[in-house]
Amino acid sequence: MLFATDLDRTIIYSNKFVENYQTVSCVEHLAGREISYMSHKALELLAQVKTRCDIHLVPITTRSLAQFSRIIPLQDCPYAVVANGGIILHKGQPLKVWQEHIERTRQIQALDYPKIFEILTKYQKYLTRTPSLVDNLFFFTKVTEDQDIVQEFILPNLEKDLKNLEWTFTLQGLKLYIIPKEISKENALSFLKDYLKEEFLITSGDGKLDAGFLSLGDIKMIPKNSEVYQLIDNKDSYTIVNQGIEGAEDILSVVLEQKT
């Protein structure tokens, strides 16, 4: 079986979600700081998942290649999907056949990149981080903490700005991503499922950008009250797990309960 899981707010969590540091372990450092955690129990369950020869664990994330490389417990996964599907890794290296496909996609949409950058300049005074191009694939920036401006000005106008372009966006906290629709987690996962000739798929995720690949799962898990939980209508077809750091334990436990 193939188990594809998002990372942030699905199986790893930042310190603002940690209530008791005695029950968690740091799984990511940046410049000497601890920035992401998993509970001790979740790490034990993850180790069990990785030892199961009948489970292909595939991390799937919007994180850049460099950001993913910081997540210590997942570096030994044979496959990983990073940059929102823009890169498929096999043993730490980009999978050539997928990279060739993505490069063709970028060439088709080459003229859109300056358009997106121009759109972002309209919101410049409300951005707290200069927009950057992640792995030469999509745009990332951070928005103001003023939620009135975000909800009443930035998001509705951005929706209009992108209406006639083959791009989408998502806001994760204050992090704003603007991404070509063709570069998606679901496209990468569909390819990988066929490439590995897997028939049974388990998915887990929490955000808007996870909705597409989540729907591919025979079992699909989402944290209660997460962004994607608020977006989907047919909640009965999803397994709802606890919100927060304990939710990772629920997700991994469900995976381990499956038998091939």
Protein backbone atom coordinates (compact mmCIF):
# COMPACT_ATOMS: atom_id res chain seq x y z
CA MET A 1 0.00 0.00 0.00
CA LEU A 2 1.04 3.61 -0.51
CA PHE A 3 0.74 6.03 2.43
CA ALA A 4 1.05 9.66 1.32
CA THR A 5 1.01 12.23 4.09
CA ASP A 6 1.36 15.98 4.32
CA LEU A 7 3.81 17.21 6.97
CA ASP A 8 3.11 20.53 8.68
CA ARG A 9 0.01 20.46 10.89
CA THR A 10 -0.59 16.85 9.84
CA ILE A 11 2.23 14.78 11.31
CA ILE A 12 4.68 17.49 12.44
CA TYR A 13 3.91 20.63 14.42
CA SER A 14 5.61 23.91 15.31
CA ASN A 15 6.22 24.95 18.91
CA LYS A 16 3.01 26.96 19.12
CA PHE A 17 1.13 23.64 19.11
CA VAL A 18 3.27 22.09 21.86
CA GLU A 19 1.83 22.21 25.38
CA ASN A 20 4.19 19.78 27.13
CA TYR A 21 7.76 19.57 25.83
CA GLN A 22 8.39 16.45 27.91
CA THR A 23 6.08 14.48 25.59
CA VAL A 24 7.66 15.56 22.27
CA SER A 25 10.93 15.36 20.36
CA CYS A 26 12.32 17.94 17.98
CA VAL A 27 12.38 16.72 14.39
CA GLU A 28 13.61 19.91 12.69
CA HIS A 29 16.24 22.54 13.47
CA LEU A 30 16.91 25.86 11.74
CA ALA A 31 19.93 27.99 12.60
CA GLY A 32 20.30 26.16 15.88
CA ARG A 33 16.64 26.59 16.86
CA GLU A 34 14.10 23.84 17.40
CA ILE A 35 11.17 24.55 15.10
CA SER A 36 9.14 21.34 14.54
CA TYR A 37 8.10 18.46 16.77
CA MET A 38 6.44 15.06 16.94
CA SER A 39 5.21 13.32 20.05
CA HIS A 40 7.29 10.43 21.36
CA LYS A 41 4.43 8.07 20.56
CA ALA A 42 4.08 9.39 17.00
CA LEU A 43 7.79 8.86 16.39
CA GLU A 44 7.49 5.27 17.64
CA LEU A 45 4.55 4.67 15.32
CA LEU A 46 6.40 6.29 12.42
CA ALA A 47 9.32 3.93 12.98
CA GLN A 48 6.91 0.99 12.84
CA VAL A 49 5.40 2.26 9.58
CA LYS A 50 8.86 2.55 8.03
CA THR A 51 9.75 -1.03 8.97
CA ARG A 52 6.62 -2.45 7.34
CA CYS A 53 7.69 -3.90 3.98
CA ASP A 54 4.11 -3.67 2.70
CA ILE A 55 3.87 0.12 3.24
CA HIS A 56 5.44 2.73 0.97
CA LEU A 57 5.58 5.91 3.09
CA VAL A 58 5.64 9.01 0.88
CA PRO A 59 5.95 12.44 2.55
CA ILE A 60 4.12 14.99 0.39
CA THR A 61 4.62 18.68 1.11
CA THR A 62 4.61 22.23 -0.23
CA ARG A 63 7.96 22.72 1.49
CA SER A 64 10.96 23.46 -0.71
CA LEU A 65 13.62 20.83 -1.21
CA ALA A 66 15.86 22.60 1.32
CA GLN A 67 13.07 22.86 3.90
CA PHE A 68 12.14 19.19 3.53
CA SER A 69 15.77 18.17 4.00
CA ARG A 70 15.59 19.50 7.58
CA ILE A 71 12.95 16.96 8.68
CA ILE A 72 15.27 14.37 10.21
CA PRO A 73 13.00 11.29 10.58
CA LEU A 74 11.86 11.36 6.94
CA GLN A 75 15.17 11.51 5.10
CA ASP A 76 15.36 7.75 4.72
CA CYS A 77 12.04 7.51 2.86
CA PRO A 78 12.75 6.06 -0.61
CA TYR A 79 10.30 8.52 -2.21
CA ALA A 80 9.07 11.99 -1.28
CA VAL A 81 7.01 14.67 -3.02
CA VAL A 82 8.20 18.22 -2.29
CA ALA A 83 7.63 21.73 -3.65
CA ASN A 84 3.88 21.01 -3.88
CA GLY A 85 4.45 18.25 -6.41
CA GLY A 86 7.07 20.09 -8.41
CA ILE A 87 9.75 17.63 -7.34
CA ILE A 88 9.57 13.87 -6.72
CA LEU A 89 12.60 12.58 -4.85
CA HIS A 90 13.92 9.04 -5.14
CA LYS A 91 16.61 8.28 -2.57
CA GLY A 92 17.18 12.00 -2.13
CA GLN A 93 17.55 12.85 -5.81
CA PRO A 94 14.95 14.30 -8.21
CA LEU A 95 13.23 11.62 -10.28
CA LYS A 96 14.32 12.43 -13.84
CA VAL A 97 11.14 11.46 -15.69
CA TRP A 98 9.03 13.70 -13.44
CA GLN A 99 11.49 16.60 -13.64
CA GLU A 100 11.30 16.51 -17.42
CA HIS A 101 7.50 16.74 -17.23
CA ILE A 102 7.63 19.66 -14.80
CA GLU A 103 10.15 21.51 -16.92
CA ARG A 104 7.85 21.23 -19.93
CA THR A 105 5.04 22.63 -17.77
CA ARG A 106 7.20 25.56 -16.68
CA GLN A 107 8.09 26.37 -20.27
CA ILE A 108 4.41 26.42 -21.26
CA GLN A 109 3.64 28.84 -18.39
CA ALA A 110 6.82 30.88 -18.65
CA LEU A 111 4.98 34.12 -19.45
CA ASP A 112 2.82 33.78 -16.34
CA TYR A 113 5.70 34.13 -13.89
CA PRO A 114 6.31 37.87 -14.47
CA LYS A 115 2.50 38.38 -14.37
CA ILE A 116 2.30 36.80 -10.91
CA PHE A 117 5.18 38.90 -9.65
CA GLU A 118 3.43 42.02 -10.98
CA ILE A 119 0.21 41.00 -9.20
CA LEU A 120 2.08 40.62 -5.93
CA THR A 121 3.48 44.15 -6.17
CA LYS A 122 -0.11 45.41 -5.73
CA TYR A 123 -0.08 44.02 -2.21
CA GLN A 124 3.48 45.03 -1.38
CA LYS A 125 2.66 47.25 1.60
CA TYR A 126 0.74 44.39 3.22
CA LEU A 127 3.52 41.82 2.76
CA THR A 128 6.06 41.24 5.52
CA ARG A 129 8.40 39.18 3.36
CA THR A 130 9.64 39.89 -0.15
CA PRO A 131 8.02 37.40 -2.57
CA SER A 132 10.40 34.65 -3.63
CA LEU A 133 10.33 31.90 -6.25
CA VAL A 134 10.56 28.52 -4.50
CA ASP A 135 12.68 25.93 -6.33
CA ASN A 136 12.02 27.96 -9.48
CA LEU A 137 8.41 26.69 -9.40
CA PHE A 138 6.01 28.86 -7.37
CA PHE A 139 5.81 32.03 -5.29
CA PHE A 140 5.98 32.39 -1.53
CA THR A 141 5.54 35.41 0.72
CA LYS A 142 4.09 36.37 4.11
CA VAL A 143 1.15 38.70 4.75
CA THR A 144 0.31 41.21 7.46
CA GLU A 145 -1.10 40.01 10.79
CA ASP A 146 -4.06 42.38 10.27
CA GLN A 147 -6.79 39.85 9.50
CA ASP A 148 -9.25 42.52 8.35
CA ILE A 149 -6.88 43.48 5.54
CA VAL A 150 -6.15 39.83 4.73
CA GLN A 151 -9.77 38.65 4.66
CA GLU A 152 -11.42 41.74 3.20
CA PHE A 153 -8.77 42.96 0.77
CA ILE A 154 -5.93 40.55 -0.04
CA LEU A 155 -7.75 37.23 -0.45
CA PRO A 156 -10.85 38.38 -2.40
CA ASN A 157 -8.78 40.54 -4.74
CA LEU A 158 -6.19 37.85 -5.26
CA GLU A 159 -9.01 35.50 -6.23
CA LYS A 160 -10.04 37.99 -8.92
CA ASP A 161 -6.46 38.58 -10.07
CA LEU A 162 -5.87 34.87 -10.66
CA LYS A 163 -9.30 34.10 -12.12
CA ASN A 164 -8.16 33.88 -15.74
CA LEU A 165 -4.77 32.35 -15.02
CA GLU A 166 -3.93 28.68 -14.44
CA TRP A 167 -2.69 29.44 -10.94
CA THR A 168 -4.08 28.92 -7.45
CA PHE A 169 -3.18 30.17 -3.98
CA THR A 170 -3.44 29.19 -0.35
CA LEU A 171 -2.83 30.98 2.93
CA GLN A 172 -1.28 28.88 5.71
CA GLY A 173 -1.31 31.10 8.76
CA LEU A 174 0.54 34.14 7.44
CA LYS A 175 2.31 32.19 4.67
CA LEU A 176 0.94 32.86 1.19
CA TYR A 177 1.67 30.46 -1.68
CA ILE A 178 0.78 31.13 -5.33
CA ILE A 179 1.22 28.02 -7.44
CA PRO A 180 0.57 26.85 -11.02
CA LYS A 181 -2.45 24.50 -10.99
CA GLU A 182 -0.54 21.91 -13.01
CA ILE A 183 2.12 21.71 -10.28
CA SER A 184 0.08 19.94 -7.65
CA LYS A 185 0.40 17.25 -5.03
CA GLU A 186 -2.37 15.22 -6.67
CA ASN A 187 -0.67 15.19 -10.08
CA ALA A 188 2.62 14.06 -8.56
CA LEU A 189 0.94 11.43 -6.39
CA SER A 190 -1.14 10.04 -9.27
CA PHE A 191 2.04 9.66 -11.28
CA LEU A 192 3.90 8.02 -8.40
CA LYS A 193 1.03 5.61 -7.66
CA ASP A 194 1.14 4.39 -11.26
CA TYR A 195 4.95 4.43 -11.34
CA LEU A 196 5.14 2.17 -8.27
CA LYS A 197 2.18 0.06 -9.44
CA GLU A 198 0.41 0.48 -6.11
CA GLU A 199 -3.32 -0.21 -5.90
CA PHE A 200 -4.27 0.79 -2.35
CA LEU A 201 -3.69 4.37 -1.25
CA ILE A 202 -3.93 6.03 2.17
CA THR A 203 -3.76 9.83 2.33
CA SER A 204 -3.61 12.40 5.14
CA GLY A 205 -3.44 16.18 5.07
CA ASP A 206 -4.82 19.35 6.58
CA GLY A 207 -4.74 22.22 4.08
CA LYS A 208 -6.38 23.57 0.93
CA LEU A 209 -3.48 22.35 -1.21
CA ASP A 210 -4.00 18.84 0.18
CA ALA A 211 -7.64 18.53 -0.93
CA GLY A 212 -6.82 17.16 -4.38
CA PHE A 213 -4.43 14.40 -3.33
CA LEU A 214 -6.54 13.53 -0.29
CA SER A 215 -9.46 12.68 -2.55
CA LEU A 216 -7.37 9.99 -4.29
CA GLY A 217 -7.14 7.91 -1.12
CA ASP A 218 -9.00 4.69 -0.43
CA ILE A 219 -8.63 5.84 3.17
CA LYS A 220 -8.28 9.59 3.62
CA MET A 221 -7.60 11.28 6.96
CA ILE A 222 -7.95 14.90 7.98
CA PRO A 223 -7.62 16.67 11.36
CA LYS A 224 -10.82 18.03 12.84
CA ASN A 225 -11.36 21.78 12.21
CA SER A 226 -8.35 21.98 9.86
CA GLU A 227 -8.44 24.15 6.75
CA VAL A 228 -9.42 21.24 4.51
CA TYR A 229 -12.02 20.06 7.05
CA GLN A 230 -13.75 23.43 6.65
CA LEU A 231 -13.60 23.21 2.84
CA ILE A 232 -14.95 19.73 2.10
CA ASP A 233 -18.65 18.89 2.06
CA ASN A 234 -18.63 15.09 2.05
CA LYS A 235 -16.97 14.64 5.45
CA ASP A 236 -18.56 11.19 5.84
CA SER A 237 -16.08 9.79 3.33
CA TYR A 238 -13.11 10.95 5.42
CA THR A 239 -11.60 9.61 8.62
CA ILE A 240 -11.54 12.56 11.04
CA VAL A 241 -8.65 12.52 13.50
CA ASN A 242 -7.83 14.70 16.50
CA GLN A 243 -6.61 18.21 15.90
CA GLY A 244 -3.09 19.09 17.03
CA ILE A 245 0.03 17.13 17.74
CA GLU A 246 -1.84 14.02 18.95
CA GLY A 247 -3.56 13.78 15.56
CA ALA A 248 -0.34 12.38 14.07
CA GLU A 249 -0.64 9.43 16.44
CA ASP A 250 -4.18 8.76 15.18
CA ILE A 251 -3.07 8.91 11.54
CA LEU A 252 -0.13 6.56 11.98
CA SER A 253 -2.20 4.16 14.07
CA VAL A 254 -4.82 3.87 11.31
CA VAL A 255 -2.07 3.10 8.78
CA LEU A 256 -0.61 0.37 10.98
CA GLU A 257 -4.04 -1.22 11.39
CA GLN A 258 -4.22 -1.92 7.64
CA LYS A 259 -3.23 -5.33 6.39
CA THR A 260 -2.34 -6.21 2.79
